[in-house]
Amino acid sequence: MTALGAVFRPQLPPEKLRDVARTADAAGLEELWLWEDCFLESGIATASAALAWTERLRVGIGLLPVPLRNVALTAMETATLDRLFPGRFTLTVGHGVQDWMGQVGARAESPVTLLREYLDGLRALLRGERVTTDGRYVKLDDVALDWPPPAAPAVLAGVTGPRSLRLSGEAADGTLLTAGTPPEGVRKARQLIDEGRKSVTRTDPHRIVVYLLTATGPDAVARLKAEQTAEGEDKIPGLGAAGDAGTVAKAVQRLVDAGADTVILQPTADEPDPEGFVRFAAEEVRPLVP
């Protein structure tokens, strides 16, 4: 069964999160995803609050930029959230926007090397291992978590380029793809991920999560087009969905047919009714997605 969720975008003030999270939980939405975009809102703080305010909702962060965070700290925070809210937290890490990383003095000369070292160290720590490593970026000296998760949670990589997609197949447990990824892009990503998995003989499951830019209501088409134009994505065929639940469900299914396991509806930045959007996803779109 395809998992379905929605994004709480950090263009909304943090104090709106409680109402949106509780609405999503009450409506039966499966997943709510949060962003750690510079310099808007923190991923861990918002995820902690959303988990505490809800009973069954899964909360994902898509994504934490690894140049900003020491890997031991990310492991500690992930383990803590996993133990506090078992099975309800999904972590995604990635390169981060390089211009933003430069603004804070954290830009890495080799983002792919950093992400590889980070994924290896993070996943080992979450497995409860004691880690010593002296990489180009990640350096750990006899580090182990005192409170590791009972079972290692999945760590996803939010990536786009071919090298990074292959790396995700090799070193991550799943991949997050942006709303700029049409169905054909999902197919190509799956192929590259599988190449990476094959290179290290991995046979465990690898979850692919895809954001779908979505607008509904009387001005849906105009709002979707305006955001895609602003992002330079208005010429990409098959991208986004604007219209009623049936139209959105068909767009979700196209991504699933291309290889997505989970589709997260991403509202436009000017979505006028965030609570209504998560109810729309849960109550109208979900019944139409097998």
Protein backbone atom coordinates (compact mmCIF):
# COMPACT_ATOMS: atom_id res chain seq x y z
CA MET A 1 0.00 0.00 0.00
CA THR A 2 1.32 3.43 -0.95
CA ALA A 3 2.04 5.68 2.02
CA LEU A 4 0.70 9.23 1.69
CA GLY A 5 1.55 12.37 3.61
CA ALA A 6 1.84 16.15 3.47
CA VAL A 7 4.50 18.80 4.10
CA PHE A 8 4.35 21.52 6.74
CA ARG A 9 6.36 24.17 4.96
CA PRO A 10 8.62 26.45 7.03
CA GLN A 11 7.23 29.49 5.23
CA LEU A 12 4.52 29.11 7.88
CA PRO A 13 5.39 30.46 11.33
CA PRO A 14 6.40 27.79 13.86
CA GLU A 15 3.36 28.53 16.03
CA LYS A 16 1.12 27.18 13.24
CA LEU A 17 2.64 23.70 13.49
CA ARG A 18 0.55 22.57 16.46
CA ASP A 19 -2.77 23.12 14.70
CA VAL A 20 -1.58 21.51 11.46
CA ALA A 21 -0.06 18.48 13.20
CA ARG A 22 -3.13 17.88 15.34
CA THR A 23 -5.42 18.29 12.35
CA ALA A 24 -3.34 15.77 10.39
CA ASP A 25 -3.43 13.32 13.28
CA ALA A 26 -7.19 13.63 13.77
CA ALA A 27 -7.85 13.29 10.03
CA GLY A 28 -5.85 10.05 9.83
CA LEU A 29 -3.01 11.34 7.68
CA GLU A 30 -0.12 8.88 7.76
CA GLU A 31 2.89 11.20 7.57
CA LEU A 32 3.74 14.86 8.12
CA TRP A 33 7.09 16.05 6.77
CA LEU A 34 9.09 19.05 7.96
CA TRP A 35 11.97 20.97 6.42
CA GLU A 36 15.11 22.38 7.96
CA ASP A 37 15.54 25.22 5.48
CA CYS A 38 18.02 27.99 6.26
CA PHE A 39 17.14 30.24 7.89
CA LEU A 40 13.55 29.39 8.65
CA GLU A 41 12.94 26.58 11.14
CA SER A 42 14.88 23.83 12.88
CA GLY A 43 14.08 20.26 11.90
CA ILE A 44 14.68 18.54 15.24
CA ALA A 45 12.81 21.11 17.33
CA THR A 46 9.75 21.03 15.08
CA ALA A 47 9.78 17.23 14.78
CA SER A 48 9.96 16.86 18.57
CA ALA A 49 7.02 19.18 19.05
CA ALA A 50 4.90 17.58 16.31
CA LEU A 51 5.51 14.11 17.73
CA ALA A 52 4.62 15.23 21.25
CA TRP A 53 1.39 16.93 20.11
CA THR A 54 0.12 13.85 18.24
CA GLU A 55 -0.66 10.21 18.97
CA ARG A 56 -0.12 8.19 15.81
CA LEU A 57 1.18 10.53 13.10
CA ARG A 58 4.56 9.68 11.61
CA VAL A 59 6.85 12.70 11.34
CA GLY A 60 9.69 12.99 8.84
CA ILE A 61 12.44 15.55 8.41
CA GLY A 62 13.39 16.15 4.83
CA LEU A 63 16.19 17.03 5.34
CA LEU A 64 18.94 17.82 7.84
CA PRO A 65 21.95 19.35 6.02
CA VAL A 66 24.96 17.37 7.15
CA PRO A 67 27.51 20.23 7.00
CA LEU A 68 25.58 21.96 9.80
CA ARG A 69 25.49 19.03 12.25
CA ASN A 70 28.10 16.86 13.89
CA VAL A 71 27.22 13.25 13.18
CA ALA A 72 27.31 12.26 16.86
CA LEU A 73 24.74 14.96 17.67
CA THR A 74 22.44 13.77 14.87
CA ALA A 75 22.76 10.20 16.15
CA MET A 76 21.94 11.30 19.71
CA GLU A 77 18.89 13.27 18.62
CA THR A 78 17.62 10.51 16.33
CA ALA A 79 18.06 7.83 18.99
CA THR A 80 16.27 9.99 21.56
CA LEU A 81 13.30 10.65 19.28
CA ASP A 82 13.11 6.99 18.27
CA ARG A 83 12.99 5.87 21.90
CA LEU A 84 10.49 8.57 22.89
CA PHE A 85 8.20 7.94 19.90
CA PRO A 86 8.93 4.39 18.65
CA GLY A 87 8.43 3.92 14.93
CA ARG A 88 7.09 7.42 14.34
CA PHE A 89 10.16 9.41 13.29
CA THR A 90 11.87 9.34 9.89
CA LEU A 91 15.25 11.01 9.42
CA THR A 92 16.59 12.26 6.11
CA VAL A 93 20.03 13.81 5.69
CA GLY A 94 21.58 15.47 2.67
CA HIS A 95 24.09 17.93 1.28
CA GLY A 96 22.05 21.03 2.03
CA VAL A 97 21.88 24.03 -0.28
CA GLN A 98 25.50 24.90 -0.95
CA ASP A 99 24.95 28.67 -0.97
CA TRP A 100 23.38 28.44 2.48
CA MET A 101 26.21 26.26 3.72
CA GLY A 102 28.64 28.89 2.48
CA GLN A 103 26.78 31.63 4.32
CA VAL A 104 27.44 29.91 7.65
CA GLY A 105 31.00 28.81 6.90
CA ALA A 106 30.09 25.12 6.63
CA ARG A 107 30.43 24.45 2.91
CA ALA A 108 32.32 21.24 2.19
CA GLU A 109 34.78 21.00 -0.69
CA SER A 110 33.48 17.51 -1.46
CA PRO A 111 29.81 17.18 -0.45
CA VAL A 112 29.62 13.58 -1.71
CA THR A 113 32.59 12.52 0.42
CA LEU A 114 31.07 14.20 3.45
CA LEU A 115 27.68 12.53 2.93
CA ARG A 116 29.26 9.09 2.47
CA GLU A 117 31.30 9.41 5.67
CA TYR A 118 28.31 10.82 7.50
CA LEU A 119 25.91 8.06 6.46
CA ASP A 120 28.41 5.36 7.40
CA GLY A 121 29.07 6.88 10.81
CA LEU A 122 25.45 7.74 11.58
CA ARG A 123 24.06 4.33 10.67
CA ALA A 124 26.79 2.57 12.67
CA LEU A 125 26.05 4.66 15.76
CA LEU A 126 22.31 3.99 15.43
CA ARG A 127 23.07 0.26 15.25
CA GLY A 128 24.64 0.59 18.68
CA GLU A 129 28.21 0.16 17.47
CA ARG A 130 31.28 1.79 18.99
CA VAL A 131 32.85 3.80 16.21
CA THR A 132 36.35 5.06 15.56
CA THR A 133 36.95 6.66 12.20
CA ASP A 134 39.29 9.31 10.83
CA GLY A 135 37.75 10.45 7.56
CA ARG A 136 38.21 13.62 5.60
CA TYR A 137 35.24 15.19 7.39
CA VAL A 138 33.85 12.72 9.92
CA LYS A 139 36.14 11.97 12.84
CA LEU A 140 35.00 9.82 15.75
CA ASP A 141 37.20 8.46 18.52
CA ASP A 142 35.68 5.52 20.42
CA VAL A 143 32.14 6.94 20.22
CA ALA A 144 29.03 4.93 21.10
CA LEU A 145 25.51 5.92 22.13
CA ASP A 146 24.58 5.11 25.72
CA TRP A 147 20.92 4.96 24.69
CA PRO A 148 20.87 3.56 21.17
CA PRO A 149 17.51 2.69 19.60
CA PRO A 150 16.26 -0.86 20.30
CA ALA A 151 16.40 -1.43 16.53
CA ALA A 152 18.30 0.82 14.15
CA PRO A 153 15.90 3.22 12.41
CA ALA A 154 16.13 3.83 8.68
CA VAL A 155 18.21 6.78 7.53
CA LEU A 156 17.20 8.32 4.20
CA ALA A 157 19.34 10.47 1.93
CA GLY A 158 17.79 13.48 0.24
CA VAL A 159 19.75 13.72 -3.01
CA THR A 160 19.36 14.56 -6.70
CA GLY A 161 22.54 14.10 -8.77
CA PRO A 162 23.67 10.77 -10.28
CA ARG A 163 26.68 10.32 -7.97
CA SER A 164 24.61 11.10 -4.90
CA LEU A 165 21.77 8.80 -5.98
CA ARG A 166 24.21 5.92 -6.41
CA LEU A 167 25.66 6.77 -3.00
CA SER A 168 22.18 6.65 -1.49
CA GLY A 169 21.76 3.15 -2.86
CA GLU A 170 25.09 2.12 -1.36
CA ALA A 171 24.95 3.79 2.03
CA ALA A 172 21.38 4.89 2.94
CA ASP A 173 18.19 2.99 3.74
CA GLY A 174 16.01 5.08 1.47
CA THR A 175 15.96 8.16 -0.76
CA LEU A 176 13.96 11.38 -0.69
CA LEU A 177 13.32 13.07 -4.04
CA THR A 178 12.26 16.69 -4.44
CA ALA A 179 9.02 18.01 -5.93
CA GLY A 180 11.06 18.80 -9.04
CA THR A 181 11.12 15.08 -9.87
CA PRO A 182 8.56 13.95 -12.48
CA PRO A 183 7.65 10.27 -12.94
CA GLU A 184 10.44 9.75 -15.49
CA GLY A 185 12.87 11.27 -13.01
CA VAL A 186 11.72 8.78 -10.38
CA ARG A 187 12.44 5.92 -12.80
CA LYS A 188 15.91 7.23 -13.52
CA ALA A 189 16.58 7.77 -9.82
CA ARG A 190 15.51 4.22 -9.02
CA GLN A 191 17.89 2.90 -11.67
CA LEU A 192 20.83 4.85 -10.25
CA ILE A 193 19.95 3.83 -6.69
CA ASP A 194 19.79 0.20 -7.78
CA GLU A 195 23.21 0.54 -9.42
CA GLY A 196 24.60 1.70 -6.10
CA ARG A 197 22.90 -1.12 -4.23
CA LYS A 198 24.20 -3.70 -6.66
CA SER A 199 27.77 -2.42 -6.33
CA VAL A 200 27.79 -3.33 -2.63
CA THR A 201 25.41 -6.33 -2.96
CA ARG A 202 22.65 -4.81 -0.84
CA THR A 203 19.34 -6.70 -0.90
CA ASP A 204 17.47 -5.00 1.96
CA PRO A 205 14.47 -2.78 1.17
CA HIS A 206 15.14 0.76 -0.04
CA ARG A 207 12.24 3.19 0.36
CA ILE A 208 11.76 6.00 -2.15
CA VAL A 209 9.84 9.05 -0.93
CA VAL A 210 8.81 11.72 -3.43
CA TYR A 211 7.36 15.17 -2.82
CA LEU A 212 4.50 16.16 -5.13
CA LEU A 213 3.81 19.89 -5.44
CA THR A 214 0.04 20.08 -5.05
CA ALA A 215 -2.63 22.78 -5.19
CA THR A 216 -6.37 22.45 -4.79
CA GLY A 217 -9.25 24.90 -4.78
CA PRO A 218 -10.52 27.44 -7.31
CA ASP A 219 -7.11 29.02 -7.95
CA ALA A 220 -5.13 25.77 -7.90
CA VAL A 221 -3.78 25.89 -11.45
CA ALA A 222 -2.59 29.48 -11.14
CA ARG A 223 -0.86 28.90 -7.79
CA LEU A 224 0.87 25.75 -8.99
CA LYS A 225 2.09 27.41 -12.19
CA ALA A 226 3.32 30.49 -10.34
CA GLU A 227 5.45 28.45 -7.95
CA GLN A 228 6.85 26.21 -10.68
CA THR A 229 7.70 29.26 -12.76
CA ALA A 230 9.47 30.87 -9.82
CA GLU A 231 11.49 27.66 -9.36
CA GLY A 232 12.26 27.35 -13.08
CA GLU A 233 10.32 24.09 -13.29
CA ASP A 234 7.29 25.16 -15.33
CA LYS A 235 8.56 23.43 -18.49
CA ILE A 236 9.05 19.98 -16.93
CA PRO A 237 6.32 17.65 -18.24
CA GLY A 238 4.27 15.66 -15.75
CA LEU A 239 5.32 17.74 -12.75
CA GLY A 240 2.94 18.66 -9.93
CA ALA A 241 -0.81 18.35 -9.54
CA ALA A 242 -3.54 20.98 -9.47
CA GLY A 243 -7.22 20.22 -9.03
CA ASP A 244 -9.55 17.98 -7.08
CA ALA A 245 -8.76 14.77 -5.19
CA GLY A 246 -9.15 12.61 -8.27
CA THR A 247 -6.62 14.68 -10.21
CA VAL A 248 -4.13 14.56 -7.35
CA ALA A 249 -4.61 10.83 -6.81
CA LYS A 250 -3.82 10.17 -10.48
CA ALA A 251 -0.59 12.18 -10.15
CA VAL A 252 0.30 10.19 -7.03
CA GLN A 253 -0.29 6.95 -8.90
CA ARG A 254 1.98 8.01 -11.75
CA LEU A 255 4.82 8.48 -9.25
CA VAL A 256 4.06 5.12 -7.66
CA ASP A 257 4.06 3.41 -11.05
CA ALA A 258 7.49 4.97 -11.66
CA GLY A 259 8.92 3.51 -8.44
CA ALA A 260 7.86 5.68 -5.48
CA ASP A 261 6.88 3.94 -2.25
CA THR A 262 5.67 7.06 -0.46
CA VAL A 263 4.28 10.30 -1.91
CA ILE A 264 4.18 13.44 0.20
CA LEU A 265 1.90 16.23 -1.00
CA GLN A 266 3.76 19.54 -0.86
CA PRO A 267 1.46 22.57 -0.75
CA THR A 268 2.44 25.74 -2.53
CA ALA A 269 4.16 28.32 -0.35
CA ASP A 270 1.03 30.48 -0.52
CA GLU A 271 -1.41 27.71 0.46
CA PRO A 272 -4.29 29.66 2.09
CA ASP A 273 -5.55 26.86 4.37
CA PRO A 274 -2.79 24.58 5.78
CA GLU A 275 -5.19 22.66 8.03
CA GLY A 276 -7.61 22.20 5.15
CA PHE A 277 -4.76 20.94 2.99
CA VAL A 278 -3.86 18.08 5.35
CA ARG A 279 -7.54 17.17 5.70
CA PHE A 280 -7.80 17.15 1.89
CA ALA A 281 -4.83 14.77 1.70
CA ALA A 282 -6.16 12.44 4.39
CA GLU A 283 -9.89 12.46 3.74
CA GLU A 284 -10.18 13.00 0.00
CA VAL A 285 -6.96 11.86 -1.69
CA ARG A 286 -6.05 8.93 0.56
CA PRO A 287 -9.19 6.85 -0.23
CA LEU A 288 -8.37 7.10 -3.94
CA VAL A 289 -4.75 5.86 -3.60
CA PRO A 290 -4.37 2.08 -3.35
